Amino acid sequence: MGRKTVALSLDENLYDAYKKYCEENSIILSRKIDKFMVHELEKGKKNGGF
């Protein structure tokens, strides 16, 4: 599976705080977003969506 680069518009303070959190906890930000998206899709399937 390939990777895709995307541009997002996020609250600057929220992004900076979360990026720092990820760095302090050895978390790769893009992988964390991947997992969030998978979770949301699975939740949607359970609720009759997607």
PDB file of N, CA and C in Angstrom:
ATOM      1  N   MET A   1       0.853  -1.169   0.000  1.00  0.00           N
ATOM      2  CA  MET A   1       0.000   0.000   0.000  1.00  0.00           C
ATOM      3  C   MET A   1       0.901   1.234   0.000  1.00  0.00           C
ATOM      4  N   GLY A   2       0.564   2.204  -0.809  1.00  0.00           N
ATOM      5  CA  GLY A   2       1.356   3.425  -0.912  1.00  0.00           C
ATOM      6  C   GLY A   2       0.966   4.450   0.130  1.00  0.00           C
ATOM      7  N   ARG A   3       1.733   5.490   0.181  1.00  0.00           N
ATOM      8  CA  ARG A   3       1.468   6.603   1.098  1.00  0.00           C
ATOM      9  C   ARG A   3       1.063   7.809   0.259  1.00  0.00           C
ATOM     10  N   LYS A   4       0.229   8.660   0.787  1.00  0.00           N
ATOM     11  CA  LYS A   4      -0.239   9.853   0.086  1.00  0.00           C
ATOM     12  C   LYS A   4       0.037  11.062   0.968  1.00  0.00           C
ATOM     13  N   THR A   5       0.628  12.092   0.396  1.00  0.00           N
ATOM     14  CA  THR A   5       0.870  13.337   1.102  1.00  0.00           C
ATOM     15  C   THR A   5      -0.342  14.234   0.909  1.00  0.00           C
ATOM     16  N   VAL A   6      -0.837  14.802   2.009  1.00  0.00           N
ATOM     17  CA  VAL A   6      -2.011  15.669   1.956  1.00  0.00           C
ATOM     18  C   VAL A   6      -1.734  16.964   2.713  1.00  0.00           C
ATOM     19  N   ALA A   7      -2.481  17.986   2.374  1.00  0.00           N
ATOM     20  CA  ALA A   7      -2.394  19.260   3.090  1.00  0.00           C
ATOM     21  C   ALA A   7      -3.660  19.415   3.930  1.00  0.00           C
ATOM     22  N   LEU A   8      -3.489  19.789   5.179  1.00  0.00           N
ATOM     23  CA  LEU A   8      -4.620  19.974   6.079  1.00  0.00           C
ATOM     24  C   LEU A   8      -4.566  21.367   6.679  1.00  0.00           C
ATOM     25  N   SER A   9      -5.705  21.873   7.018  1.00  0.00           N
ATOM     26  CA  SER A   9      -5.781  23.142   7.727  1.00  0.00           C
ATOM     27  C   SER A   9      -6.230  22.844   9.149  1.00  0.00           C
ATOM     28  N   LEU A  10      -5.339  23.061  10.114  1.00  0.00           N
ATOM     29  CA  LEU A  10      -5.602  22.725  11.517  1.00  0.00           C
ATOM     30  C   LEU A  10      -5.376  23.942  12.398  1.00  0.00           C
ATOM     31  N   ASP A  11      -6.011  23.937  13.552  1.00  0.00           N
ATOM     32  CA  ASP A  11      -5.743  24.970  14.534  1.00  0.00           C
ATOM     33  C   ASP A  11      -4.256  24.903  14.904  1.00  0.00           C
ATOM     34  N   GLU A  12      -3.568  26.012  14.779  1.00  0.00           N
ATOM     35  CA  GLU A  12      -2.119  26.040  14.972  1.00  0.00           C
ATOM     36  C   GLU A  12      -1.701  25.608  16.378  1.00  0.00           C
ATOM     37  N   ASN A  13      -2.400  26.101  17.393  1.00  0.00           N
ATOM     38  CA  ASN A  13      -2.037  25.753  18.769  1.00  0.00           C
ATOM     39  C   ASN A  13      -2.289  24.281  19.055  1.00  0.00           C
ATOM     40  N   LEU A  14      -3.404  23.766  18.553  1.00  0.00           N
ATOM     41  CA  LEU A  14      -3.717  22.355  18.737  1.00  0.00           C
ATOM     42  C   LEU A  14      -2.672  21.484  18.042  1.00  0.00           C
ATOM     43  N   TYR A  15      -2.330  21.847  16.808  1.00  0.00           N
ATOM     44  CA  TYR A  15      -1.325  21.086  16.056  1.00  0.00           C
ATOM     45  C   TYR A  15       0.017  21.083  16.786  1.00  0.00           C
ATOM     46  N   ASP A  16       0.461  22.266  17.231  1.00  0.00           N
ATOM     47  CA  ASP A  16       1.750  22.355  17.913  1.00  0.00           C
ATOM     48  C   ASP A  16       1.771  21.530  19.191  1.00  0.00           C
ATOM     49  N   ALA A  17       0.684  21.588  19.961  1.00  0.00           N
ATOM     50  CA  ALA A  17       0.610  20.822  21.204  1.00  0.00           C
ATOM     51  C   ALA A  17       0.608  19.324  20.927  1.00  0.00           C
ATOM     52  N   TYR A  18      -0.150  18.882  19.913  1.00  0.00           N
ATOM     53  CA  TYR A  18      -0.226  17.454  19.617  1.00  0.00           C
ATOM     54  C   TYR A  18       1.076  16.948  19.015  1.00  0.00           C
ATOM     55  N   LYS A  19       1.700  17.769  18.191  1.00  0.00           N
ATOM     56  CA  LYS A  19       2.990  17.392  17.624  1.00  0.00           C
ATOM     57  C   LYS A  19       4.018  17.199  18.734  1.00  0.00           C
ATOM     58  N   LYS A  20       4.030  18.106  19.700  1.00  0.00           N
ATOM     59  CA  LYS A  20       4.953  17.994  20.838  1.00  0.00           C
ATOM     60  C   LYS A  20       4.653  16.717  21.632  1.00  0.00           C
ATOM     61  N   TYR A  21       3.372  16.440  21.868  1.00  0.00           N
ATOM     62  CA  TYR A  21       2.968  15.218  22.558  1.00  0.00           C
ATOM     63  C   TYR A  21       3.497  13.988  21.831  1.00  0.00           C
ATOM     64  N   CYS A  22       3.337  13.971  20.515  1.00  0.00           N
ATOM     65  CA  CYS A  22       3.812  12.833  19.719  1.00  0.00           C
ATOM     66  C   CYS A  22       5.328  12.687  19.819  1.00  0.00           C
ATOM     67  N   GLU A  23       6.039  13.786  19.728  1.00  0.00           N
ATOM     68  CA  GLU A  23       7.505  13.744  19.820  1.00  0.00           C
ATOM     69  C   GLU A  23       7.955  13.224  21.183  1.00  0.00           C
ATOM     70  N   GLU A  24       7.306  13.690  22.241  1.00  0.00           N
ATOM     71  CA  GLU A  24       7.674  13.273  23.597  1.00  0.00           C
ATOM     72  C   GLU A  24       7.358  11.812  23.865  1.00  0.00           C
ATOM     73  N   ASN A  25       6.421  11.244  23.114  1.00  0.00           N
ATOM     74  CA  ASN A  25       6.001   9.864  23.326  1.00  0.00           C
ATOM     75  C   ASN A  25       6.398   8.940  22.182  1.00  0.00           C
ATOM     76  N   SER A  26       7.339   9.388  21.367  1.00  0.00           N
ATOM     77  CA  SER A  26       7.858   8.594  20.250  1.00  0.00           C
ATOM     78  C   SER A  26       6.742   8.067  19.354  1.00  0.00           C
ATOM     79  N   ILE A  27       5.793   8.942  19.046  1.00  0.00           N
ATOM     80  CA  ILE A  27       4.669   8.596  18.185  1.00  0.00           C
ATOM     81  C   ILE A  27       4.863   9.302  16.852  1.00  0.00           C
ATOM     82  N   ILE A  28       4.664   8.572  15.769  1.00  0.00           N
ATOM     83  CA  ILE A  28       4.726   9.173  14.436  1.00  0.00           C
ATOM     84  C   ILE A  28       3.348   9.755  14.155  1.00  0.00           C
ATOM     85  N   LEU A  29       3.284  11.065  14.001  1.00  0.00           N
ATOM     86  CA  LEU A  29       2.019  11.772  13.851  1.00  0.00           C
ATOM     87  C   LEU A  29       1.164  11.198  12.722  1.00  0.00           C
ATOM     88  N   SER A  30       1.745  10.969  11.568  1.00  0.00           N
ATOM     89  CA  SER A  30       0.946  10.474  10.437  1.00  0.00           C
ATOM     90  C   SER A  30       0.388   9.081  10.712  1.00  0.00           C
ATOM     91  N   ARG A  31       1.121   8.239  11.426  1.00  0.00           N
ATOM     92  CA  ARG A  31       0.614   6.895  11.749  1.00  0.00           C
ATOM     93  C   ARG A  31      -0.527   6.997  12.749  1.00  0.00           C
ATOM     94  N   LYS A  32      -0.442   7.952  13.658  1.00  0.00           N
ATOM     95  CA  LYS A  32      -1.510   8.166  14.636  1.00  0.00           C
ATOM     96  C   LYS A  32      -2.793   8.593  13.913  1.00  0.00           C
ATOM     97  N   ILE A  33      -2.658   9.447  12.920  1.00  0.00           N
ATOM     98  CA  ILE A  33      -3.823   9.879  12.142  1.00  0.00           C
ATOM     99  C   ILE A  33      -4.380   8.703  11.341  1.00  0.00           C
ATOM    100  N   ASP A  34      -3.497   7.863  10.795  1.00  0.00           N
ATOM    101  CA  ASP A  34      -3.943   6.650  10.098  1.00  0.00           C
ATOM    102  C   ASP A  34      -4.848   5.820  11.017  1.00  0.00           C
ATOM    103  N   LYS A  35      -4.383   5.583  12.236  1.00  0.00           N
ATOM    104  CA  LYS A  35      -5.141   4.758  13.185  1.00  0.00           C
ATOM    105  C   LYS A  35      -6.477   5.414  13.535  1.00  0.00           C
ATOM    106  N   PHE A  36      -6.473   6.746  13.696  1.00  0.00           N
ATOM    107  CA  PHE A  36      -7.712   7.459  13.974  1.00  0.00           C
ATOM    108  C   PHE A  36      -8.709   7.255  12.839  1.00  0.00           C
ATOM    109  N   MET A  37      -8.250   7.374  11.599  1.00  0.00           N
ATOM    110  CA  MET A  37      -9.131   7.232  10.448  1.00  0.00           C
ATOM    111  C   MET A  37      -9.690   5.819  10.357  1.00  0.00           C
ATOM    112  N   VAL A  38      -8.868   4.817  10.603  1.00  0.00           N
ATOM    113  CA  VAL A  38      -9.328   3.422  10.593  1.00  0.00           C
ATOM    114  C   VAL A  38     -10.407   3.236  11.658  1.00  0.00           C
ATOM    115  N   HIS A  39     -10.150   3.766  12.850  1.00  0.00           N
ATOM    116  CA  HIS A  39     -11.112   3.658  13.949  1.00  0.00           C
ATOM    117  C   HIS A  39     -12.449   4.296  13.569  1.00  0.00           C
ATOM    118  N   GLU A  40     -12.411   5.490  12.988  1.00  0.00           N
ATOM    119  CA  GLU A  40     -13.635   6.185  12.587  1.00  0.00           C
ATOM    120  C   GLU A  40     -14.398   5.402  11.530  1.00  0.00           C
ATOM    121  N   LEU A  41     -13.691   4.820  10.561  1.00  0.00           N
ATOM    122  CA  LEU A  41     -14.346   4.023   9.524  1.00  0.00           C
ATOM    123  C   LEU A  41     -14.997   2.772  10.124  1.00  0.00           C
ATOM    124  N   GLU A  42     -14.297   2.113  11.049  1.00  0.00           N
ATOM    125  CA  GLU A  42     -14.861   0.928  11.696  1.00  0.00           C
ATOM    126  C   GLU A  42     -16.086   1.294  12.521  1.00  0.00           C
ATOM    127  N   LYS A  43     -16.016   2.420  13.215  1.00  0.00           N
ATOM    128  CA  LYS A  43     -17.146   2.889  14.007  1.00  0.00           C
ATOM    129  C   LYS A  43     -18.334   3.202  13.095  1.00  0.00           C
ATOM    130  N   GLY A  44     -18.056   3.791  11.943  1.00  0.00           N
ATOM    131  CA  GLY A  44     -19.118   4.098  10.992  1.00  0.00           C
ATOM    132  C   GLY A  44     -19.789   2.849  10.458  1.00  0.00           C
ATOM    133  N   LYS A  45     -18.998   1.809  10.184  1.00  0.00           N
ATOM    134  CA  LYS A  45     -19.553   0.545   9.689  1.00  0.00           C
ATOM    135  C   LYS A  45     -20.488  -0.084  10.727  1.00  0.00           C
ATOM    136  N   LYS A  46     -20.091   0.005  11.994  1.00  0.00           N
ATOM    137  CA  LYS A  46     -20.901  -0.577  13.060  1.00  0.00           C
ATOM    138  C   LYS A  46     -22.226   0.161  13.221  1.00  0.00           C
ATOM    139  N   ASN A  47     -22.220   1.441  12.849  1.00  0.00           N
ATOM    140  CA  ASN A  47     -23.432   2.254  12.992  1.00  0.00           C
ATOM    141  C   ASN A  47     -24.222   2.349  11.693  1.00  0.00           C
ATOM    142  N   GLY A  48     -23.899   1.484  10.730  1.00  0.00           N
ATOM    143  CA  GLY A  48     -24.646   1.440   9.476  1.00  0.00           C
ATOM    144  C   GLY A  48     -24.178   2.380   8.401  1.00  0.00           C
ATOM    145  N   GLY A  49     -23.072   3.069   8.621  1.00  0.00           N
ATOM    146  CA  GLY A  49     -22.547   3.982   7.607  1.00  0.00           C
ATOM    147  C   GLY A  49     -21.404   3.362   6.835  1.00  0.00           C
ATOM    148  N   PHE A  50     -20.874   4.095   5.895  1.00  0.00           N
ATOM    149  CA  PHE A  50     -19.718   3.709   5.067  1.00  0.00           C
ATOM    150  C   PHE A  50     -19.963   2.376   4.428  1.00  0.00           C
TER     151      PHE A  50
END
